[in-house]
Structures are given as C-alpha cells and as structure tokens.
Amino acid sequence: MTRDEHLEWAKRRALEYVEAARYEQVATRYERVRELLLAAFTSLGSDLAKHPELQNHKGIDLGMALIMIPDSTYLSSPEVMKHFIEGFQ
C-alpha cells in the first residue's frame, strides 16, 4: 500500500469513531463522546505507525500536545476532531 493509500485508510478508520461520537453527542452522552474522540485519535496514531513513511508523522505529536494540555478543549468535539483528521497530509 502506498503512503497516500495508507493515510486515507487510517483517516477513514479514525473518522468512524468520530461519526459514532457525533451520534452520542446528539444523545447527550458526553463522557462517551470524549472516549470515542480519544479512540479516533489513538486509531489514527496506531494506523500511521504501521507504515514506514508515516511512523513519525508530526500531526500525531501535535494532536497529543493539544489533548494533554490541562483542561484542554482542543479536539474535544466531533466537528473539530474530524477537521483535524481530515487535515492530515
């Protein structure tokens, strides 16, 4: 699989979690939304690590820094996480 194919595959898989989070948000299950958004980010990082050209993608470092900020609201909504994931190149 080429770098671009692998990246698109990883993004699609991560976006499945984002879509599930969007559904949970409508049902006002906010704790579950947070879990699913973290799963989306983790899925993306794990999948990118499986390709030699994507193993050290700087977007994962950036996302981790944003998530780890105390009381962070970065990447905390399905819309923002979707935008973040779709922005990976």
PDB file of N, CA and C in Angstrom:
ATOM      1  N   MET A   1       0.855  -1.168   0.000  1.00  0.00           N
ATOM      2  CA  MET A   1       0.000   0.000   0.000  1.00  0.00           C
ATOM      3  C   MET A   1       0.908   1.240   0.000  1.00  0.00           C
ATOM      4  N   THR A   2       0.581   2.206  -0.835  1.00  0.00           N
ATOM      5  CA  THR A   2       1.384   3.430  -0.885  1.00  0.00           C
ATOM      6  C   THR A   2       1.132   4.273   0.363  1.00  0.00           C
ATOM      7  N   ARG A   3       1.979   5.270   0.549  1.00  0.00           N
ATOM      8  CA  ARG A   3       1.839   6.181   1.685  1.00  0.00           C
ATOM      9  C   ARG A   3       0.464   6.843   1.675  1.00  0.00           C
ATOM     10  N   ASP A   4       0.072   7.368   0.512  1.00  0.00           N
ATOM     11  CA  ASP A   4      -1.209   8.077   0.419  1.00  0.00           C
ATOM     12  C   ASP A   4      -2.394   7.142   0.643  1.00  0.00           C
ATOM     13  N   GLU A   5      -2.319   5.927   0.111  1.00  0.00           N
ATOM     14  CA  GLU A   5      -3.393   4.953   0.324  1.00  0.00           C
ATOM     15  C   GLU A   5      -3.504   4.594   1.804  1.00  0.00           C
ATOM     16  N   HIS A   6      -2.367   4.386   2.423  1.00  0.00           N
ATOM     17  CA  HIS A   6      -2.358   4.038   3.846  1.00  0.00           C
ATOM     18  C   HIS A   6      -2.921   5.186   4.687  1.00  0.00           C
ATOM     19  N   LEU A   7      -2.533   6.391   4.354  1.00  0.00           N
ATOM     20  CA  LEU A   7      -3.023   7.562   5.081  1.00  0.00           C
ATOM     21  C   LEU A   7      -4.541   7.675   4.960  1.00  0.00           C
ATOM     22  N   GLU A   8      -5.067   7.502   3.768  1.00  0.00           N
ATOM     23  CA  GLU A   8      -6.521   7.587   3.573  1.00  0.00           C
ATOM     24  C   GLU A   8      -7.245   6.483   4.331  1.00  0.00           C
ATOM     25  N   TRP A   9      -6.668   5.286   4.334  1.00  0.00           N
ATOM     26  CA  TRP A   9      -7.244   4.166   5.078  1.00  0.00           C
ATOM     27  C   TRP A   9      -7.288   4.495   6.572  1.00  0.00           C
ATOM     28  N   ALA A  10      -6.185   5.000   7.100  1.00  0.00           N
ATOM     29  CA  ALA A  10      -6.108   5.347   8.520  1.00  0.00           C
ATOM     30  C   ALA A  10      -7.123   6.441   8.866  1.00  0.00           C
ATOM     31  N   LYS A  11      -7.250   7.431   8.004  1.00  0.00           N
ATOM     32  CA  LYS A  11      -8.193   8.522   8.247  1.00  0.00           C
ATOM     33  C   LYS A  11      -9.634   8.008   8.240  1.00  0.00           C
ATOM     34  N   ARG A  12      -9.961   7.135   7.293  1.00  0.00           N
ATOM     35  CA  ARG A  12     -11.320   6.572   7.233  1.00  0.00           C
ATOM     36  C   ARG A  12     -11.654   5.823   8.522  1.00  0.00           C
ATOM     37  N   ARG A  13     -10.709   5.022   8.992  1.00  0.00           N
ATOM     38  CA  ARG A  13     -10.943   4.250  10.224  1.00  0.00           C
ATOM     39  C   ARG A  13     -11.140   5.178  11.419  1.00  0.00           C
ATOM     40  N   ALA A  14     -10.333   6.203  11.526  1.00  0.00           N
ATOM     41  CA  ALA A  14     -10.465   7.150  12.637  1.00  0.00           C
ATOM     42  C   ALA A  14     -11.785   7.906  12.557  1.00  0.00           C
ATOM     43  N   LEU A  15     -12.191   8.252  11.354  1.00  0.00           N
ATOM     44  CA  LEU A  15     -13.433   9.011  11.191  1.00  0.00           C
ATOM     45  C   LEU A  15     -14.669   8.186  11.555  1.00  0.00           C
ATOM     46  N   GLU A  16     -14.558   6.863  11.533  1.00  0.00           N
ATOM     47  CA  GLU A  16     -15.667   6.027  12.001  1.00  0.00           C
ATOM     48  C   GLU A  16     -15.943   6.293  13.484  1.00  0.00           C
ATOM     49  N   TYR A  17     -14.891   6.470  14.265  1.00  0.00           N
ATOM     50  CA  TYR A  17     -15.063   6.805  15.682  1.00  0.00           C
ATOM     51  C   TYR A  17     -15.674   8.197  15.837  1.00  0.00           C
ATOM     52  N   VAL A  18     -15.254   9.119  14.997  1.00  0.00           N
ATOM     53  CA  VAL A  18     -15.799  10.478  15.063  1.00  0.00           C
ATOM     54  C   VAL A  18     -17.293  10.452  14.764  1.00  0.00           C
ATOM     55  N   GLU A  19     -17.685   9.665  13.779  1.00  0.00           N
ATOM     56  CA  GLU A  19     -19.106   9.566  13.438  1.00  0.00           C
ATOM     57  C   GLU A  19     -19.898   8.977  14.606  1.00  0.00           C
ATOM     58  N   ALA A  20     -19.342   7.973  15.262  1.00  0.00           N
ATOM     59  CA  ALA A  20     -20.004   7.399  16.439  1.00  0.00           C
ATOM     60  C   ALA A  20     -20.110   8.441  17.551  1.00  0.00           C
ATOM     61  N   ALA A  21     -19.088   9.258  17.710  1.00  0.00           N
ATOM     62  CA  ALA A  21     -19.111  10.318  18.725  1.00  0.00           C
ATOM     63  C   ALA A  21     -20.185  11.343  18.410  1.00  0.00           C
ATOM     64  N   ARG A  22     -20.360  11.640  17.136  1.00  0.00           N
ATOM     65  CA  ARG A  22     -21.401  12.597  16.737  1.00  0.00           C
ATOM     66  C   ARG A  22     -22.783  12.067  17.144  1.00  0.00           C
ATOM     67  N   TYR A  23     -23.001  10.779  16.943  1.00  0.00           N
ATOM     68  CA  TYR A  23     -24.268  10.159  17.338  1.00  0.00           C
ATOM     69  C   TYR A  23     -24.464  10.261  18.854  1.00  0.00           C
ATOM     70  N   GLU A  24     -23.415   9.961  19.611  1.00  0.00           N
ATOM     71  CA  GLU A  24     -23.501  10.022  21.073  1.00  0.00           C
ATOM     72  C   GLU A  24     -23.736  11.452  21.557  1.00  0.00           C
ATOM     73  N   GLN A  25     -23.176  12.415  20.849  1.00  0.00           N
ATOM     74  CA  GLN A  25     -23.351  13.816  21.225  1.00  0.00           C
ATOM     75  C   GLN A  25     -24.826  14.205  21.139  1.00  0.00           C
ATOM     76  N   VAL A  26     -25.491  13.727  20.115  1.00  0.00           N
ATOM     77  CA  VAL A  26     -26.921  14.007  19.957  1.00  0.00           C
ATOM     78  C   VAL A  26     -27.698  13.422  21.135  1.00  0.00           C
ATOM     79  N   ALA A  27     -27.249  12.277  21.612  1.00  0.00           N
ATOM     80  CA  ALA A  27     -27.909  11.623  22.744  1.00  0.00           C
ATOM     81  C   ALA A  27     -27.422  12.177  24.088  1.00  0.00           C
ATOM     82  N   THR A  28     -26.611  13.215  24.041  1.00  0.00           N
ATOM     83  CA  THR A  28     -26.032  13.896  25.215  1.00  0.00           C
ATOM     84  C   THR A  28     -25.260  12.953  26.136  1.00  0.00           C
ATOM     85  N   ARG A  29     -24.554  12.031  25.541  1.00  0.00           N
ATOM     86  CA  ARG A  29     -23.672  11.128  26.303  1.00  0.00           C
ATOM     87  C   ARG A  29     -22.247  11.647  26.159  1.00  0.00           C
ATOM     88  N   TYR A  30     -21.965  12.742  26.829  1.00  0.00           N
ATOM     89  CA  TYR A  30     -20.711  13.461  26.607  1.00  0.00           C
ATOM     90  C   TYR A  30     -19.471  12.699  27.055  1.00  0.00           C
ATOM     91  N   GLU A  31     -19.586  11.899  28.094  1.00  0.00           N
ATOM     92  CA  GLU A  31     -18.440  11.091  28.522  1.00  0.00           C
ATOM     93  C   GLU A  31     -18.070  10.092  27.424  1.00  0.00           C
ATOM     94  N   ARG A  32     -19.085   9.504  26.819  1.00  0.00           N
ATOM     95  CA  ARG A  32     -18.858   8.550  25.720  1.00  0.00           C
ATOM     96  C   ARG A  32     -18.298   9.269  24.498  1.00  0.00           C
ATOM     97  N   VAL A  33     -18.727  10.488  24.250  1.00  0.00           N
ATOM     98  CA  VAL A  33     -18.193  11.283  23.137  1.00  0.00           C
ATOM     99  C   VAL A  33     -16.691  11.442  23.310  1.00  0.00           C
ATOM    100  N   ARG A  34     -16.270  11.815  24.494  1.00  0.00           N
ATOM    101  CA  ARG A  34     -14.831  12.001  24.772  1.00  0.00           C
ATOM    102  C   ARG A  34     -14.059  10.702  24.548  1.00  0.00           C
ATOM    103  N   GLU A  35     -14.608   9.586  25.019  1.00  0.00           N
ATOM    104  CA  GLU A  35     -13.960   8.286  24.818  1.00  0.00           C
ATOM    105  C   GLU A  35     -13.792   7.976  23.336  1.00  0.00           C
ATOM    106  N   LEU A  36     -14.830   8.226  22.563  1.00  0.00           N
ATOM    107  CA  LEU A  36     -14.778   7.927  21.130  1.00  0.00           C
ATOM    108  C   LEU A  36     -13.813   8.847  20.394  1.00  0.00           C
ATOM    109  N   LEU A  37     -13.745  10.107  20.802  1.00  0.00           N
ATOM    110  CA  LEU A  37     -12.805  11.024  20.158  1.00  0.00           C
ATOM    111  C   LEU A  37     -11.367  10.629  20.466  1.00  0.00           C
ATOM    112  N   LEU A  38     -11.105  10.197  21.683  1.00  0.00           N
ATOM    113  CA  LEU A  38      -9.766   9.701  22.013  1.00  0.00           C
ATOM    114  C   LEU A  38      -9.466   8.417  21.245  1.00  0.00           C
ATOM    115  N   ALA A  39     -10.482   7.572  21.060  1.00  0.00           N
ATOM    116  CA  ALA A  39     -10.300   6.354  20.264  1.00  0.00           C
ATOM    117  C   ALA A  39      -9.981   6.696  18.811  1.00  0.00           C
ATOM    118  N   ALA A  40     -10.614   7.736  18.291  1.00  0.00           N
ATOM    119  CA  ALA A  40     -10.330   8.170  16.916  1.00  0.00           C
ATOM    120  C   ALA A  40      -8.878   8.599  16.785  1.00  0.00           C
ATOM    121  N   PHE A  41      -8.412   9.398  17.727  1.00  0.00           N
ATOM    122  CA  PHE A  41      -7.030   9.870  17.699  1.00  0.00           C
ATOM    123  C   PHE A  41      -6.057   8.705  17.864  1.00  0.00           C
ATOM    124  N   THR A  42      -6.353   7.809  18.792  1.00  0.00           N
ATOM    125  CA  THR A  42      -5.499   6.646  19.032  1.00  0.00           C
ATOM    126  C   THR A  42      -5.463   5.737  17.813  1.00  0.00           C
ATOM    127  N   SER A  43      -6.604   5.532  17.190  1.00  0.00           N
ATOM    128  CA  SER A  43      -6.676   4.711  15.982  1.00  0.00           C
ATOM    129  C   SER A  43      -5.801   5.287  14.878  1.00  0.00           C
ATOM    130  N   LEU A  44      -5.908   6.580  14.679  1.00  0.00           N
ATOM    131  CA  LEU A  44      -5.108   7.237  13.646  1.00  0.00           C
ATOM    132  C   LEU A  44      -3.619   7.061  13.933  1.00  0.00           C
ATOM    133  N   GLY A  45      -3.213   7.329  15.156  1.00  0.00           N
ATOM    134  CA  GLY A  45      -1.801   7.191  15.515  1.00  0.00           C
ATOM    135  C   GLY A  45      -1.298   5.772  15.349  1.00  0.00           C
ATOM    136  N   SER A  46      -2.089   4.819  15.785  1.00  0.00           N
ATOM    137  CA  SER A  46      -1.711   3.412  15.672  1.00  0.00           C
ATOM    138  C   SER A  46      -1.583   2.990  14.215  1.00  0.00           C
ATOM    139  N   ASP A  47      -2.550   3.386  13.407  1.00  0.00           N
ATOM    140  CA  ASP A  47      -2.520   3.010  11.990  1.00  0.00           C
ATOM    141  C   ASP A  47      -1.374   3.687  11.247  1.00  0.00           C
ATOM    142  N   LEU A  48      -1.096   4.932  11.552  1.00  0.00           N
ATOM    143  CA  LEU A  48       0.015   5.616  10.885  1.00  0.00           C
ATOM    144  C   LEU A  48       1.345   4.964  11.250  1.00  0.00           C
ATOM    145  N   ALA A  49       1.463   4.470  12.459  1.00  0.00           N
ATOM    146  CA  ALA A  49       2.705   3.830  12.906  1.00  0.00           C
ATOM    147  C   ALA A  49       2.996   2.539  12.149  1.00  0.00           C
ATOM    148  N   LYS A  50       2.016   2.005  11.455  1.00  0.00           N
ATOM    149  CA  LYS A  50       2.188   0.752  10.718  1.00  0.00           C
ATOM    150  C   LYS A  50       2.811   0.944   9.341  1.00  0.00           C
ATOM    151  N   HIS A  51       3.013   2.189   8.918  1.00  0.00           N
ATOM    152  CA  HIS A  51       3.606   2.461   7.602  1.00  0.00           C
ATOM    153  C   HIS A  51       4.923   3.195   7.809  1.00  0.00           C
ATOM    154  N   PRO A  52       6.002   2.717   7.174  1.00  0.00           N
ATOM    155  CA  PRO A  52       7.317   3.320   7.421  1.00  0.00           C
ATOM    156  C   PRO A  52       7.404   4.813   7.105  1.00  0.00           C
ATOM    157  N   GLU A  53       6.659   5.283   6.132  1.00  0.00           N
ATOM    158  CA  GLU A  53       6.722   6.701   5.773  1.00  0.00           C
ATOM    159  C   GLU A  53       5.836   7.577   6.659  1.00  0.00           C
ATOM    160  N   LEU A  54       5.010   6.955   7.476  1.00  0.00           N
ATOM    161  CA  LEU A  54       4.075   7.715   8.313  1.00  0.00           C
ATOM    162  C   LEU A  54       4.329   7.523   9.806  1.00  0.00           C
ATOM    163  N   GLN A  55       5.298   6.693  10.157  1.00  0.00           N
ATOM    164  CA  GLN A  55       5.550   6.344  11.556  1.00  0.00           C
ATOM    165  C   GLN A  55       5.798   7.551  12.450  1.00  0.00           C
ATOM    166  N   ASN A  56       6.466   8.537  11.950  1.00  0.00           N
ATOM    167  CA  ASN A  56       6.828   9.700  12.772  1.00  0.00           C
ATOM    168  C   ASN A  56       6.097  10.960  12.321  1.00  0.00           C
ATOM    169  N   HIS A  57       4.849  10.810  11.930  1.00  0.00           N
ATOM    170  CA  HIS A  57       4.063  11.943  11.436  1.00  0.00           C
ATOM    171  C   HIS A  57       3.930  12.987  12.545  1.00  0.00           C
ATOM    172  N   LYS A  58       4.286  14.204  12.250  1.00  0.00           N
ATOM    173  CA  LYS A  58       4.274  15.286  13.247  1.00  0.00           C
ATOM    174  C   LYS A  58       2.868  15.642  13.718  1.00  0.00           C
ATOM    175  N   GLY A  59       1.863  15.310  12.927  1.00  0.00           N
ATOM    176  CA  GLY A  59       0.491  15.584  13.335  1.00  0.00           C
ATOM    177  C   GLY A  59       0.088  14.835  14.592  1.00  0.00           C
ATOM    178  N   ILE A  60       0.646  13.649  14.780  1.00  0.00           N
ATOM    179  CA  ILE A  60       0.350  12.885  15.989  1.00  0.00           C
ATOM    180  C   ILE A  60       0.944  13.591  17.205  1.00  0.00           C
ATOM    181  N   ASP A  61       2.176  14.082  17.068  1.00  0.00           N
ATOM    182  CA  ASP A  61       2.791  14.840  18.173  1.00  0.00           C
ATOM    183  C   ASP A  61       1.976  16.088  18.502  1.00  0.00           C
ATOM    184  N   LEU A  62       1.529  16.789  17.470  1.00  0.00           N
ATOM    185  CA  LEU A  62       0.724  17.992  17.677  1.00  0.00           C
ATOM    186  C   LEU A  62      -0.587  17.650  18.377  1.00  0.00           C
ATOM    187  N   GLY A  63      -1.271  16.632  17.879  1.00  0.00           N
ATOM    188  CA  GLY A  63      -2.536  16.229  18.486  1.00  0.00           C
ATOM    189  C   GLY A  63      -2.375  15.821  19.936  1.00  0.00           C
ATOM    190  N   MET A  64      -1.311  15.078  20.221  1.00  0.00           N
ATOM    191  CA  MET A  64      -1.062  14.654  21.598  1.00  0.00           C
ATOM    192  C   MET A  64      -0.823  15.865  22.499  1.00  0.00           C
ATOM    193  N   ALA A  65      -0.070  16.820  22.003  1.00  0.00           N
ATOM    194  CA  ALA A  65       0.179  18.036  22.789  1.00  0.00           C
ATOM    195  C   ALA A  65      -1.125  18.784  23.055  1.00  0.00           C
ATOM    196  N   LEU A  66      -1.985  18.871  22.059  1.00  0.00           N
ATOM    197  CA  LEU A  66      -3.260  19.575  22.229  1.00  0.00           C
ATOM    198  C   LEU A  66      -4.161  18.863  23.231  1.00  0.00           C
ATOM    199  N   ILE A  67      -4.180  17.548  23.170  1.00  0.00           N
ATOM    200  CA  ILE A  67      -5.032  16.773  24.069  1.00  0.00           C
ATOM    201  C   ILE A  67      -4.521  16.826  25.504  1.00  0.00           C
ATOM    202  N   MET A  68      -3.217  16.857  25.680  1.00  0.00           N
ATOM    203  CA  MET A  68      -2.619  16.769  27.016  1.00  0.00           C
ATOM    204  C   MET A  68      -2.586  18.093  27.780  1.00  0.00           C
ATOM    205  N   ILE A  69      -2.915  19.190  27.143  1.00  0.00           N
ATOM    206  CA  ILE A  69      -2.967  20.473  27.847  1.00  0.00           C
ATOM    207  C   ILE A  69      -4.025  20.363  28.948  1.00  0.00           C
ATOM    208  N   PRO A  70      -3.677  20.733  30.192  1.00  0.00           N
ATOM    209  CA  PRO A  70      -4.667  20.650  31.274  1.00  0.00           C
ATOM    210  C   PRO A  70      -5.950  21.418  30.923  1.00  0.00           C
ATOM    211  N   ASP A  71      -7.073  20.797  31.192  1.00  0.00           N
ATOM    212  CA  ASP A  71      -8.396  21.374  30.904  1.00  0.00           C
ATOM    213  C   ASP A  71      -8.561  21.736  29.432  1.00  0.00           C
ATOM    214  N   SER A  72      -7.907  20.980  28.581  1.00  0.00           N
ATOM    215  CA  SER A  72      -7.938  21.253  27.145  1.00  0.00           C
ATOM    216  C   SER A  72      -9.320  21.002  26.553  1.00  0.00           C
ATOM    217  N   THR A  73      -9.731  21.892  25.697  1.00  0.00           N
ATOM    218  CA  THR A  73     -10.946  21.671  24.912  1.00  0.00           C
ATOM    219  C   THR A  73     -10.591  21.432  23.446  1.00  0.00           C
ATOM    220  N   TYR A  74      -9.284  21.414  23.151  1.00  0.00           N
ATOM    221  CA  TYR A  74      -8.852  21.120  21.788  1.00  0.00           C
ATOM    222  C   TYR A  74      -9.234  19.687  21.439  1.00  0.00           C
ATOM    223  N   LEU A  75      -9.681  19.500  20.246  1.00  0.00           N
ATOM    224  CA  LEU A  75     -10.053  18.180  19.730  1.00  0.00           C
ATOM    225  C   LEU A  75     -11.123  17.512  20.583  1.00  0.00           C
ATOM    226  N   SER A  76     -11.985  18.306  21.209  1.00  0.00           N
ATOM    227  CA  SER A  76     -12.976  17.751  22.130  1.00  0.00           C
ATOM    228  C   SER A  76     -14.387  17.708  21.558  1.00  0.00           C
ATOM    229  N   SER A  77     -14.553  18.050  20.296  1.00  0.00           N
ATOM    230  CA  SER A  77     -15.864  17.911  19.663  1.00  0.00           C
ATOM    231  C   SER A  77     -15.693  17.105  18.380  1.00  0.00           C
ATOM    232  N   PRO A  78     -16.738  16.381  17.975  1.00  0.00           N
ATOM    233  CA  PRO A  78     -16.632  15.603  16.745  1.00  0.00           C
ATOM    234  C   PRO A  78     -16.258  16.456  15.533  1.00  0.00           C
ATOM    235  N   GLU A  79     -16.787  17.664  15.462  1.00  0.00           N
ATOM    236  CA  GLU A  79     -16.509  18.519  14.311  1.00  0.00           C
ATOM    237  C   GLU A  79     -15.033  18.908  14.247  1.00  0.00           C
ATOM    238  N   VAL A  80     -14.472  19.275  15.387  1.00  0.00           N
ATOM    239  CA  VAL A  80     -13.066  19.694  15.438  1.00  0.00           C
ATOM    240  C   VAL A  80     -12.143  18.504  15.182  1.00  0.00           C
ATOM    241  N   MET A  81     -12.464  17.345  15.763  1.00  0.00           N
ATOM    242  CA  MET A  81     -11.632  16.160  15.542  1.00  0.00           C
ATOM    243  C   MET A  81     -11.691  15.739  14.074  1.00  0.00           C
ATOM    244  N   LYS A  82     -12.857  15.818  13.472  1.00  0.00           N
ATOM    245  CA  LYS A  82     -12.985  15.474  12.049  1.00  0.00           C
ATOM    246  C   LYS A  82     -12.102  16.389  11.210  1.00  0.00           C
ATOM    247  N   HIS A  83     -12.144  17.665  11.484  1.00  0.00           N
ATOM    248  CA  HIS A  83     -11.326  18.631  10.748  1.00  0.00           C
ATOM    249  C   HIS A  83      -9.835  18.326  10.944  1.00  0.00           C
ATOM    250  N   PHE A  84      -9.446  18.013  12.161  1.00  0.00           N
ATOM    251  CA  PHE A  84      -8.052  17.683  12.464  1.00  0.00           C
ATOM    252  C   PHE A  84      -7.610  16.452  11.668  1.00  0.00           C
ATOM    253  N   ILE A  85      -8.407  15.396  11.691  1.00  0.00           N
ATOM    254  CA  ILE A  85      -8.055  14.155  10.993  1.00  0.00           C
ATOM    255  C   ILE A  85      -8.009  14.373   9.490  1.00  0.00           C
ATOM    256  N   GLU A  86      -9.004  15.057   8.954  1.00  0.00           N
ATOM    257  CA  GLU A  86      -9.039  15.285   7.505  1.00  0.00           C
ATOM    258  C   GLU A  86      -7.880  16.153   7.035  1.00  0.00           C
ATOM    259  N   GLY A  87      -7.278  16.916   7.932  1.00  0.00           N
ATOM    260  CA  GLY A  87      -6.162  17.779   7.568  1.00  0.00           C
ATOM    261  C   GLY A  87      -4.829  17.061   7.417  1.00  0.00           C
ATOM    262  N   PHE A  88      -4.766  15.807   7.807  1.00  0.00           N
ATOM    263  CA  PHE A  88      -3.503  15.064   7.683  1.00  0.00           C
ATOM    264  C   PHE A  88      -3.135  14.899   6.221  1.00  0.00           C
ATOM    265  N   GLN A  89      -1.866  15.173   5.933  1.00  0.00           N
ATOM    266  CA  GLN A  89      -1.345  15.025   4.566  1.00  0.00           C
ATOM    267  C   GLN A  89      -0.190  14.064   4.536  1.00  0.00           C
TER     268      GLN A  89
END
